[in-house]
Protein backbone atom coordinates (compact mmCIF):
# COMPACT_ATOMS: atom_id res chain seq x y z
CA MET A 1 -37.06 56.18 71.96
CA VAL A 2 -34.28 55.31 74.36
CA SER A 3 -37.16 53.87 76.50
CA ASN A 4 -38.40 51.74 74.07
CA ILE A 5 -34.82 50.54 73.34
CA ILE A 6 -34.10 50.00 77.17
CA ARG A 7 -37.48 48.33 77.63
CA ALA A 8 -37.07 45.92 74.55
CA LYS A 9 -33.58 45.17 76.03
CA ALA A 10 -34.90 44.00 79.44
CA ARG A 11 -37.44 41.68 77.64
CA ALA A 12 -35.09 39.89 75.37
CA PRO A 13 -33.39 37.02 77.53
CA ALA A 14 -35.80 34.15 77.85
CA ALA A 15 -34.68 33.31 81.27
CA THR A 16 -35.62 36.62 82.65
CA GLU A 17 -39.23 36.12 81.30
CA THR A 18 -39.68 32.92 82.56
CA ARG A 19 -38.65 33.41 86.19
CA LYS A 20 -41.52 33.85 88.24
CA SER A 21 -39.78 34.39 91.80
CA GLY A 22 -36.75 36.32 92.71
CA PRO A 23 -35.92 39.76 92.72
CA LYS A 24 -36.24 41.56 89.41
CA SER A 25 -33.30 42.58 87.65
CA GLY A 26 -31.64 45.59 87.31
CA ALA A 27 -32.08 46.03 83.49
CA ALA A 28 -35.99 45.37 84.31
CA ARG A 29 -36.33 47.65 87.01
CA ALA A 30 -34.47 50.29 84.35
CA GLY A 31 -37.04 49.62 81.84
CA LYS A 32 -39.95 50.27 84.47
CA THR A 33 -38.26 53.42 85.67
CA ALA A 34 -37.83 54.66 81.83
CA GLU A 35 -41.41 54.73 81.38
CA LYS A 36 -42.16 57.27 84.06
CA THR A 37 -38.81 59.51 83.32
CA ALA A 38 -37.12 59.50 80.05
CA GLY A 39 -34.35 61.96 81.62
CA LYS A 40 -33.70 59.59 84.15
CA ALA A 41 -33.38 56.54 81.99
CA SER A 42 -30.96 58.56 79.84
CA ASP A 43 -28.93 59.77 82.75
CA ARG A 44 -28.70 56.24 83.80
CA ALA A 45 -27.79 54.97 80.36
CA VAL A 46 -24.66 57.59 80.43
CA ASP A 47 -23.77 56.31 83.87
CA LYS A 48 -23.72 53.03 82.28
CA ASN A 49 -21.58 53.85 79.64
CA ALA A 50 -19.61 55.97 82.32
CA ARG A 51 -18.98 52.43 84.05
CA THR A 52 -17.74 50.51 80.85
CA GLY A 53 -15.79 53.45 79.40
CA ALA A 54 -18.01 53.93 76.41
CA LYS A 55 -19.11 57.03 74.99
CA ALA A 56 -22.75 57.75 74.61
CA PRO A 57 -23.75 57.80 70.86
CA ALA A 58 -25.08 61.02 68.99
CA ARG A 59 -28.66 61.95 68.63
CA ALA A 60 -30.41 62.88 65.61
CA GLY A 61 -33.87 64.25 66.04
CA GLY A 62 -34.23 63.39 69.53
CA ARG A 63 -33.71 59.45 68.37
CA ARG A 64 -30.96 57.57 69.30
CA ALA A 65 -28.72 56.41 66.30
CA GLY A 66 -28.17 53.25 67.63
CA PRO A 67 -27.65 50.84 70.67
CA LEU A 68 -25.71 52.29 73.21
CA LEU A 69 -22.19 51.15 73.12
CA GLY A 70 -21.50 48.43 75.41
CA GLU A 71 -25.08 47.02 75.03
CA ARG A 72 -25.89 43.30 74.33
CA VAL A 73 -28.02 43.09 71.14
CA PRO A 74 -30.25 40.54 71.18
CA VAL A 75 -29.68 38.29 68.28
CA LYS A 76 -32.06 35.72 66.74
CA PRO A 77 -30.68 32.08 66.47
CA VAL A 78 -30.58 30.64 63.11
CA ALA A 79 -31.89 27.15 62.70
CA ARG A 80 -29.43 24.40 61.98
CA PRO A 81 -30.23 21.29 60.28
CA ALA A 82 -30.05 18.04 62.31
CA GLY A 83 -26.53 16.53 62.13
CA ALA A 84 -24.65 20.02 61.00
CA PRO A 85 -21.59 20.87 62.26
CA ALA A 86 -21.10 23.73 64.67
CA ASP A 87 -19.86 27.12 63.52
CA SER A 88 -16.22 26.10 64.85
CA ALA A 89 -16.22 22.97 62.69
CA ARG A 90 -17.26 24.49 59.62
CA LYS A 91 -14.82 24.38 57.03
CA PRO A 92 -14.52 27.68 54.56
CA VAL A 93 -16.21 26.67 51.09
CA ALA A 94 -14.31 26.69 48.11
CA ASN A 95 -15.22 28.49 45.05
CA ALA A 96 -17.06 26.62 42.55
CA THR A 97 -14.83 27.18 39.84
CA ALA A 98 -10.67 27.33 39.45
CA PRO A 99 -8.70 30.33 38.84
CA LEU A 100 -8.89 31.13 34.82
CA PRO A 101 -5.79 29.39 32.99
CA PRO A 102 -3.56 31.35 30.68
CA SER A 103 -5.27 30.37 27.71
CA ALA A 104 -8.84 31.16 28.75
CA ALA A 105 -7.77 34.30 31.30
CA GLN A 106 -8.76 37.29 28.25
CA VAL A 107 -10.30 37.19 24.93
CA ARG A 108 -9.11 35.56 22.15
CA ARG A 109 -9.09 36.44 18.53
CA VAL A 110 -8.64 32.72 16.31
CA LEU A 111 -8.11 33.02 12.44
CA ILE A 112 -9.33 29.70 10.93
CA ASP A 113 -6.74 27.99 8.89
CA GLU A 114 -6.48 24.91 6.71
CA GLY A 115 -6.30 22.72 9.77
CA SER A 116 -10.08 24.04 10.98
CA ALA A 117 -11.81 25.26 7.66
CA GLY A 118 -15.10 23.08 7.03
CA GLN A 119 -15.14 22.37 10.61
CA ARG A 120 -18.57 23.31 13.17
CA LEU A 121 -18.15 25.99 15.73
CA ASP A 122 -19.16 24.08 18.57
CA ASN A 123 -16.49 21.31 17.50
CA PHE A 124 -14.17 23.83 17.10
CA LEU A 125 -14.77 25.46 20.42
CA LEU A 126 -14.74 22.12 22.12
CA ARG A 127 -11.35 21.64 20.91
CA GLU A 128 -9.83 25.12 21.40
CA LEU A 129 -11.55 24.97 25.26
CA LYS A 130 -10.22 21.57 26.56
CA GLY A 131 -11.90 20.42 29.79
CA VAL A 132 -14.79 23.11 29.55
CA PRO A 133 -17.96 21.20 29.75
CA LYS A 134 -20.40 21.31 26.37
CA THR A 135 -23.16 22.81 28.18
CA HIS A 136 -20.75 25.90 28.84
CA VAL A 137 -19.54 26.22 25.26
CA TYR A 138 -23.24 25.89 23.80
CA ARG A 139 -24.46 28.31 26.52
CA VAL A 140 -21.78 31.20 25.56
CA ILE A 141 -22.38 30.29 21.98
CA ARG A 142 -26.24 30.98 22.59
CA ALA A 143 -25.26 34.35 24.45
CA GLY A 144 -23.47 35.69 21.54
CA GLU A 145 -20.19 35.78 23.48
CA VAL A 146 -18.88 33.95 20.56
CA ARG A 147 -18.43 35.91 17.43
CA VAL A 148 -17.59 34.78 13.73
CA ASN A 149 -16.31 37.75 11.99
CA LYS A 150 -18.16 39.94 14.50
CA GLY A 151 -21.18 38.76 14.22
CA ARG A 152 -23.27 36.21 16.05
CA ALA A 153 -23.05 32.63 14.97
CA GLN A 154 -24.84 29.47 15.64
CA ALA A 155 -23.39 26.04 16.71
CA ASP A 156 -23.44 24.32 13.98
CA THR A 157 -21.98 27.20 11.77
CA ARG A 158 -19.25 26.03 9.24
CA LEU A 159 -16.02 27.75 9.78
CA GLU A 160 -14.42 29.01 6.34
CA LEU A 161 -10.71 29.85 5.65
CA GLY A 162 -9.55 33.08 7.22
CA ASP A 163 -12.88 33.55 9.31
CA GLU A 164 -11.81 35.50 12.53
CA VAL A 165 -13.52 33.39 15.89
CA ARG A 166 -13.75 35.38 19.26
CA ILE A 167 -13.31 33.27 22.21
CA PRO A 168 -14.60 34.67 25.58
CA PRO A 169 -12.87 33.88 28.80
CA VAL A 170 -14.09 31.13 30.40
CA ARG A 171 -13.77 29.25 33.52
CA LEU A 172 -12.71 25.34 34.28
CA PRO A 173 -14.50 23.37 36.68
CA GLU A 174 -12.21 22.68 39.92
CA ARG A 175 -11.87 18.85 38.41
CA ALA A 176 -11.23 19.79 34.97
CA ALA A 177 -8.70 22.51 36.01
CA ALA A 178 -6.88 19.95 38.23
CA GLY A 179 -6.64 17.84 35.59
CA ALA A 180 -5.34 20.36 33.11
CA GLY A 181 -1.91 20.38 34.33
CA GLU A 182 -1.63 16.80 34.39
CA TYR A 183 1.73 15.75 32.36
CA VAL A 184 1.46 13.96 29.41
CA PRO A 185 4.93 12.26 27.85
CA PRO A 186 5.60 12.79 24.48
CA ARG A 187 5.66 9.81 22.31
CA GLU A 188 6.51 8.67 19.06
CA PHE A 189 4.98 5.43 17.31
CA PRO A 190 6.13 3.46 14.67
CA VAL A 191 5.18 5.18 11.19
CA VAL A 192 3.85 2.72 8.26
CA PHE A 193 3.09 6.13 6.27
CA GLU A 194 3.20 9.85 6.05
CA ASP A 195 2.77 12.69 3.97
CA ASP A 196 1.32 16.36 4.17
CA HIS A 197 -1.88 15.10 4.94
CA LEU A 198 -2.15 12.01 7.01
CA LEU A 199 0.00 9.73 9.19
CA ALA A 200 -0.31 5.94 9.51
CA ILE A 201 1.11 4.18 12.71
CA ASN A 202 1.40 0.81 14.08
CA LYS A 203 -0.38 1.18 17.52
CA PRO A 204 0.96 -1.17 20.22
CA ALA A 205 -1.54 -3.40 22.38
CA GLY A 206 -2.39 -1.79 25.78
CA VAL A 207 -2.20 2.08 24.30
CA ALA A 208 -5.19 3.78 24.58
CA VAL A 209 -6.06 6.03 21.27
CA HIS A 210 -6.98 8.92 23.27
CA GLY A 211 -7.84 9.91 26.88
CA GLY A 212 -11.18 8.99 28.73
CA SER A 213 -12.87 6.48 30.72
CA GLY A 214 -10.38 6.26 33.59
CA VAL A 215 -7.34 6.92 31.18
CA SER A 216 -5.81 10.07 31.14
CA PHE A 217 -3.97 10.30 27.89
CA GLY A 218 -3.69 8.21 24.56
CA VAL A 219 -2.18 8.09 21.20
CA ILE A 220 -3.34 11.36 20.11
CA GLU A 221 -2.08 13.48 23.01
CA GLN A 222 0.86 11.88 22.94
CA LEU A 223 1.61 12.81 19.18
CA ARG A 224 0.37 16.09 20.01
CA GLN A 225 2.92 16.62 22.76
CA ALA A 226 5.71 15.02 20.34
CA ARG A 227 4.81 17.31 17.69
CA PRO A 228 4.13 20.72 18.95
CA GLN A 229 4.79 22.42 15.51
CA ALA A 230 1.87 20.19 14.09
CA LYS A 231 -0.75 22.20 13.95
CA PHE A 232 -3.70 19.58 13.18
CA LEU A 233 -3.71 15.88 14.57
CA GLU A 234 -6.86 14.00 14.77
CA LEU A 235 -7.89 10.60 14.97
CA VAL A 236 -9.36 9.31 11.85
CA HIS A 237 -10.74 5.91 13.25
CA ARG A 238 -10.39 4.03 16.65
CA LEU A 239 -8.69 0.82 17.87
CA ASP A 240 -9.51 -0.75 21.06
CA ARG A 241 -6.78 -0.42 23.67
CA GLU A 242 -6.11 -4.19 23.61
CA THR A 243 -5.63 -3.99 19.88
CA SER A 244 -2.84 -3.42 17.93
CA GLY A 245 -2.22 -2.31 14.42
CA LEU A 246 -2.81 0.35 11.85
CA LEU A 247 -4.28 3.59 12.98
CA LEU A 248 -4.82 6.48 10.82
CA ILE A 249 -4.28 10.29 12.01
CA ALA A 250 -5.39 13.19 9.89
CA LYS A 251 -2.75 16.13 9.60
CA LYS A 252 -5.46 18.56 7.68
CA ARG A 253 -9.10 19.24 8.39
CA SER A 254 -9.77 18.15 4.84
CA ALA A 255 -8.38 14.69 5.18
CA LEU A 256 -10.20 14.09 7.93
CA VAL A 257 -13.49 14.79 6.62
CA ALA A 258 -12.31 12.79 3.29
CA LEU A 259 -11.52 9.82 4.92
CA GLN A 260 -14.13 9.80 7.83
CA ASP A 261 -16.65 9.99 4.65
CA GLN A 262 -14.66 6.99 3.26
CA PHE A 263 -15.29 4.73 6.38
CA ARG A 264 -18.75 5.86 6.70
CA GLU A 265 -19.69 4.48 3.38
CA ARG A 266 -17.74 1.63 3.79
CA GLU A 267 -15.67 2.46 0.89
CA THR A 268 -12.12 1.11 2.99
CA GLY A 269 -10.83 -2.18 3.46
CA LYS A 270 -9.93 -3.23 6.82
CA THR A 271 -8.37 -6.75 7.51
CA TYR A 272 -7.54 -8.10 11.26
CA ALA A 273 -5.39 -11.04 12.20
CA ALA A 274 -7.22 -12.99 15.14
CA LEU A 275 -6.20 -15.67 17.02
CA VAL A 276 -9.07 -18.04 18.18
CA ALA A 277 -9.34 -21.22 20.01
CA GLY A 278 -10.20 -24.25 18.47
CA VAL A 279 -10.94 -24.89 14.71
CA TRP A 280 -12.81 -22.35 12.61
CA PRO A 281 -15.88 -24.07 10.51
CA ALA A 282 -14.47 -23.62 6.83
CA ASN A 283 -17.88 -22.48 5.95
CA LEU A 284 -18.67 -19.97 8.03
CA LYS A 285 -17.38 -17.40 5.94
CA VAL A 286 -19.80 -14.31 6.46
CA ILE A 287 -21.40 -13.35 10.10
CA ASP A 288 -24.29 -10.91 9.67
CA VAL A 289 -25.63 -10.64 12.86
CA PRO A 290 -26.82 -7.35 14.43
CA LEU A 291 -25.28 -5.73 17.58
CA LEU A 292 -26.37 -3.56 20.53
CA LYS A 293 -24.34 -1.84 23.05
CA PHE A 294 -25.16 -1.79 26.88
CA VAL A 295 -23.73 -0.74 30.16
CA GLY A 296 -23.67 -3.72 32.47
CA SER A 297 -23.97 -3.91 36.50
CA ASP A 298 -20.20 -3.50 36.63
CA GLY A 299 -20.54 -0.10 34.74
CA GLU A 300 -18.72 -1.23 31.92
CA ARG A 301 -19.42 -0.87 28.10
CA TRP A 302 -20.54 -4.10 26.82
CA VAL A 303 -21.60 -5.71 23.11
CA ARG A 304 -24.11 -8.52 22.70
CA ALA A 305 -25.25 -10.32 19.42
CA VAL A 306 -28.83 -10.18 18.74
CA THR A 307 -30.31 -12.96 16.79
CA ASN A 308 -33.59 -13.11 17.96
CA SER A 309 -36.31 -10.37 16.02
CA HIS A 310 -38.26 -10.70 19.19
CA ASP A 311 -35.82 -9.37 21.34
CA PRO A 312 -36.99 -6.09 23.33
CA GLN A 313 -34.46 -4.38 21.99
CA ALA A 314 -34.12 -6.01 18.66
CA GLU A 315 -34.90 -2.34 16.93
CA GLN A 316 -31.84 -0.83 18.66
CA ALA A 317 -29.54 -3.12 17.35
CA LYS A 318 -27.49 -2.00 14.19
CA ARG A 319 -26.49 -4.39 11.20
CA SER A 320 -22.93 -5.72 11.68
CA ILE A 321 -21.14 -7.79 8.85
CA SER A 322 -17.84 -9.45 9.32
CA LEU A 323 -15.98 -11.52 6.99
CA VAL A 324 -14.10 -14.62 7.88
CA LYS A 325 -11.07 -16.39 6.38
CA VAL A 326 -8.92 -19.24 7.99
CA ALA A 327 -5.60 -17.95 7.38
CA GLN A 328 -3.48 -20.93 9.19
CA ALA A 329 -4.86 -23.89 10.98
CA LEU A 330 -2.61 -24.53 14.31
CA ASN A 331 -2.53 -27.32 16.94
CA GLY A 332 -5.68 -26.46 18.74
CA TYR A 333 -6.13 -22.75 17.56
CA SER A 334 -7.01 -21.11 13.97
CA LEU A 335 -5.43 -17.90 12.87
CA LEU A 336 -8.09 -15.90 10.83
CA ASP A 337 -8.32 -12.73 8.59
CA VAL A 338 -11.40 -10.92 9.48
CA THR A 339 -12.52 -8.22 7.14
CA ILE A 340 -15.14 -5.95 8.61
CA LYS A 341 -17.86 -4.37 6.47
CA THR A 342 -19.29 -2.13 9.10
CA GLY A 343 -17.13 -0.24 11.94
CA ARG A 344 -19.27 -1.60 15.27
CA THR A 345 -17.86 -1.34 18.73
CA HIS A 346 -16.02 -5.05 19.59
CA GLN A 347 -17.37 -5.93 16.38
CA ILE A 348 -15.10 -8.94 15.57
CA ARG A 349 -14.62 -9.77 19.22
CA VAL A 350 -18.29 -10.27 19.74
CA HIS A 351 -18.99 -11.75 16.21
CA LEU A 352 -16.20 -14.48 16.46
CA ALA A 353 -17.11 -15.44 20.11
CA HIS A 354 -20.81 -15.47 18.93
CA GLY A 355 -19.44 -18.36 16.42
CA GLY A 356 -18.15 -20.14 19.01
CA HIS A 357 -14.64 -19.27 19.12
CA ALA A 358 -13.51 -16.53 21.07
CA ILE A 359 -10.47 -14.47 20.57
CA VAL A 360 -7.52 -15.86 22.44
CA GLY A 361 -6.49 -13.16 25.48
CA ASP A 362 -9.67 -11.34 25.49
CA PRO A 363 -10.72 -10.15 28.62
CA LYS A 364 -14.06 -9.28 27.88
CA TYR A 365 -15.57 -11.93 25.81
CA GLY A 366 -12.75 -14.71 25.91
CA ASP A 367 -12.44 -17.91 28.09
CA PHE A 368 -11.17 -16.77 31.38
CA GLU A 369 -9.42 -19.82 32.41
CA ALA A 370 -7.77 -20.63 29.00
CA ASN A 371 -6.48 -17.00 28.82
CA ARG A 372 -4.58 -17.23 32.11
CA ALA A 373 -3.35 -20.70 31.63
CA LEU A 374 -1.75 -19.23 28.35
CA ALA A 375 -0.49 -16.05 30.14
CA ARG A 376 1.32 -18.52 33.09
CA GLY A 377 2.16 -21.38 30.47
CA GLU A 378 5.56 -21.89 28.53
CA HIS A 379 4.34 -19.26 26.22
CA ARG A 380 3.77 -16.22 28.59
CA PHE A 381 1.26 -14.45 26.14
CA GLU A 382 -0.57 -12.03 27.97
CA ARG A 383 -2.51 -9.89 25.42
CA MET A 384 -5.35 -10.37 23.13
CA PHE A 385 -4.55 -11.75 19.70
CA LEU A 386 -6.42 -9.20 17.68
CA HIS A 387 -4.48 -6.86 15.07
CA ALA A 388 -5.15 -4.67 12.64
CA GLN A 389 -2.88 -5.70 9.83
CA ARG A 390 -4.30 -4.00 6.36
CA LEU A 391 -6.15 -0.86 5.53
CA ARG A 392 -7.07 0.27 2.14
CA PHE A 393 -8.50 3.55 1.15
CA GLN A 394 -8.60 6.39 -1.24
CA HIS A 395 -5.83 8.99 -0.50
CA PRO A 396 -7.56 12.23 0.74
CA ALA A 397 -6.10 14.88 -1.52
CA ARG A 398 -4.93 12.66 -4.83
CA GLU A 399 -8.10 11.79 -6.75
CA GLY A 400 -7.63 7.91 -8.09
CA GLU A 401 -5.00 6.97 -5.79
CA GLU A 402 -5.21 4.00 -3.78
CA ILE A 403 -3.26 3.42 -0.64
CA GLU A 404 -2.57 -0.08 0.87
CA LEU A 405 -0.87 -0.31 4.24
CA LEU A 406 0.35 -3.28 5.52
CA ALA A 407 1.68 -3.76 9.54
CA PRO A 408 3.04 -6.94 10.32
CA LEU A 409 2.43 -8.99 13.63
CA PRO A 410 4.06 -7.74 16.50
CA GLU A 411 7.09 -10.11 17.86
CA GLU A 412 4.98 -11.79 20.71
CA CYS A 413 2.38 -12.52 18.11
CA GLN A 414 4.69 -14.06 15.96
CA ARG A 415 6.62 -16.20 18.48
CA LEU A 416 3.30 -17.38 19.49
CA ILE A 417 2.39 -18.65 16.01
CA ALA A 418 5.47 -20.18 15.52
CA ALA A 419 5.49 -22.25 18.62
CA LEU A 420 1.60 -23.54 18.00
CA SER A 421 3.07 -24.45 14.51
CA ARG A 422 5.64 -26.64 15.82
CA LYS A 423 3.39 -28.67 18.28
């Protein structure tokens, strides 16, 4: 009813209700009059709209369709948390996801070639959908949006040559989308061996093998940029950023699987050249000490030797074996050949430091003062002296053919050895 609406308007302002004295407002008098005579209330409403230049709303079945034009409709205030900015200071909320990149803006159907045959579906998608979180990849698989030969598939489905994989459109998080366009400079590295199945390079020190952990890109990303025609390039194993030397890259999926199996079964020979301070004990030829990875208070990844079976984390440590041979005794230093039987993170660095002779220039497990003196002294040696110099393995596609690769010491390492030999 009109009278009800006008009466509600008269009661709405809190100031009007709390005032105990003073003349009644015009709106309150209008509400009281409306209770007695609905017609007069209607006339007053019409007069009010006439004064404001507004037209009276149409009635339907004797009821007004809405509040009178020009009326102030009371709005319940919204509670705002303490410290929240005022409406005028609020910033517009950005979308949770970025626009779809061209490669992910539509459904794609990919035929599996030799480079991807034998790969798990989840790993294939993680490679195809760069920057998409793993959780989202697994979600679209479970939802049935990913199809293999037009049928649903599980994450561990092994893809076969000629399979058709349907890849649905996905959205990248803003952070990933922002980084997706980052420029990766193409770069070739010194080639030690190459054929149709694999590539072996001599990696320089100071270059990461792949992007991550604060590094935008590494060897594998730069090689892919330098070789856009290559259908498949994947790391067979890894080297620390500070380590130089032989690094294997597979050019086919079959080669990757075969080589990784050899590394896993310890059927390869990997020998490193390491320079340590002091005289290495001639009788210390085998280091068989378990190693444990952990994250330090600085947020960095560290590894420590576990020598006590009563150590609370002894069961989590992994057996690690390094064979050490003195290649050359120098003035105050020892050049070692270290062959590893297991491939643990930082294995050689931690084992040699545990043996009492840290690697020269090692920023993590070495002697900081000695490293700084060597870097600022006459030799100007500013890197870690660890070099993957020899690698032996079975060719992944030629049964019975053994490959042995050699990478000479970098020039800066050769100069330091020569200088220490003259003393």
